[in-house]
Amino acid sequence: MRMGYLLLLGAIAAEVGGTTAMKYSDGFSKLWPSVLTLLGYLISFWLLAQTLKTVSVATAYAIWSGVGTAAIATIGILFLGEGMTVAKAAGIALIIIGVVVLNLGGAH
């Protein structure tokens, strides 16, 4: 089970990297950011598929999408000049709370 969560962490990192590269791809008009986007998503989906061998789909997908979304929002705020609003902060907090509750709730 631990290996599943390590694979899931890798899937999240690859997805976050791919999404960040997409920001720089300029609508897929720049080659290298576009290639990095494609690679990030291919690696992410492959690792997510490996994760599903040992982690339930509901738990894995909720963590993958939730943590990925929170990470991208944080990267946007910290590195891409996107503003922080109360609503955005509350949304990120709710995502984190949701992931914690899902794991504590025994959805394994």
Protein backbone atom coordinates (compact mmCIF):
# COMPACT_ATOMS: atom_id res chain seq x y z
CA MET A 1 0.00 0.00 0.00
CA ARG A 2 2.84 2.43 0.79
CA MET A 3 4.29 1.93 -2.67
CA GLY A 4 0.90 2.86 -4.09
CA TYR A 5 0.99 6.18 -2.29
CA LEU A 6 4.55 6.83 -3.44
CA LEU A 7 3.45 6.17 -7.02
CA LEU A 8 0.49 8.49 -6.44
CA LEU A 9 2.85 11.22 -5.23
CA GLY A 10 4.86 10.78 -8.44
CA ALA A 11 1.65 10.94 -10.49
CA ILE A 12 0.70 14.19 -8.78
CA ALA A 13 4.16 15.69 -9.35
CA ALA A 14 4.11 14.72 -13.04
CA GLU A 15 0.62 16.18 -13.49
CA VAL A 16 1.60 19.42 -11.75
CA GLY A 17 4.73 19.63 -13.90
CA GLY A 18 2.72 18.99 -17.06
CA THR A 19 0.13 21.59 -16.15
CA THR A 20 2.78 24.16 -15.30
CA ALA A 21 4.50 23.49 -18.64
CA MET A 22 1.14 23.96 -20.35
CA LYS A 23 1.05 27.52 -19.01
CA TYR A 24 4.27 28.19 -20.92
CA SER A 25 3.25 26.32 -24.10
CA ASP A 26 1.31 29.37 -25.36
CA GLY A 27 -1.62 27.28 -26.54
CA PHE A 28 0.72 24.47 -27.67
CA SER A 29 2.50 26.80 -30.06
CA LYS A 30 5.89 26.45 -28.30
CA LEU A 31 7.54 23.08 -28.86
CA TRP A 32 9.39 22.28 -25.64
CA PRO A 33 6.75 23.36 -23.14
CA SER A 34 4.24 21.40 -25.25
CA VAL A 35 6.45 18.30 -25.19
CA LEU A 36 6.89 18.65 -21.41
CA THR A 37 3.11 18.95 -21.03
CA LEU A 38 2.54 15.76 -22.99
CA LEU A 39 5.26 13.87 -21.10
CA GLY A 40 3.98 15.12 -17.75
CA TYR A 41 0.49 13.87 -18.45
CA LEU A 42 1.62 10.55 -19.94
CA ILE A 43 3.81 9.85 -16.91
CA SER A 44 1.09 11.00 -14.55
CA PHE A 45 -1.58 8.72 -16.03
CA TRP A 46 0.82 5.78 -16.15
CA LEU A 47 1.76 6.25 -12.49
CA LEU A 48 -1.90 6.74 -11.55
CA ALA A 49 -2.74 3.46 -13.31
CA GLN A 50 0.00 1.71 -11.32
CA THR A 51 -1.35 3.27 -8.13
CA LEU A 52 -4.76 1.75 -8.77
CA LYS A 53 -3.30 -1.73 -8.33
CA THR A 54 -3.11 -1.14 -4.56
CA VAL A 55 -5.20 1.96 -3.78
CA SER A 56 -8.94 2.27 -4.37
CA VAL A 57 -9.93 4.34 -7.37
CA ALA A 58 -12.05 6.71 -5.27
CA THR A 59 -9.21 7.46 -2.89
CA ALA A 60 -6.48 7.67 -5.53
CA TYR A 61 -8.43 9.90 -7.88
CA ALA A 62 -9.64 12.20 -5.11
CA ILE A 63 -6.10 12.67 -3.82
CA TRP A 64 -4.62 13.01 -7.34
CA SER A 65 -7.10 15.62 -8.47
CA GLY A 66 -7.40 17.45 -5.15
CA VAL A 67 -3.72 17.72 -4.30
CA GLY A 68 -2.89 18.50 -7.92
CA THR A 69 -5.45 21.30 -7.99
CA ALA A 70 -4.24 22.77 -4.71
CA ALA A 71 -0.60 22.55 -5.86
CA ILE A 72 -1.34 24.27 -9.17
CA ALA A 73 -3.30 27.03 -7.42
CA THR A 74 -0.38 27.54 -5.01
CA ILE A 75 2.17 27.61 -7.86
CA GLY A 76 0.01 30.17 -9.65
CA ILE A 77 -0.04 32.38 -6.58
CA LEU A 78 3.63 32.00 -5.61
CA PHE A 79 5.34 31.93 -9.01
CA LEU A 80 2.97 33.06 -11.76
CA GLY A 81 1.65 36.27 -10.30
CA GLU A 82 -1.91 35.09 -9.78
CA GLY A 83 -3.75 36.83 -6.98
CA MET A 84 -4.81 35.30 -3.69
CA THR A 85 -8.39 35.86 -2.69
CA VAL A 86 -10.34 34.70 0.32
CA ALA A 87 -12.33 32.41 -1.95
CA LYS A 88 -9.17 30.89 -3.43
CA ALA A 89 -7.63 30.34 0.01
CA ALA A 90 -10.87 28.78 1.26
CA GLY A 91 -11.01 26.51 -1.79
CA ILE A 92 -7.46 25.28 -1.26
CA ALA A 93 -8.17 24.69 2.44
CA LEU A 94 -11.34 22.74 1.61
CA ILE A 95 -9.44 20.56 -0.85
CA ILE A 96 -6.82 19.74 1.77
CA ILE A 97 -9.49 19.06 4.40
CA GLY A 98 -11.37 16.84 1.94
CA VAL A 99 -8.30 14.75 1.18
CA VAL A 100 -7.56 14.34 4.89
CA VAL A 101 -11.16 13.38 5.70
CA LEU A 102 -11.27 10.92 2.82
CA ASN A 103 -8.15 9.18 4.12
CA LEU A 104 -9.22 9.23 7.76
CA GLY A 105 -12.70 8.04 6.78
CA GLY A 106 -11.37 4.69 5.69
CA ALA A 107 -12.11 4.99 1.97
CA HIS A 108 -9.22 2.63 1.22
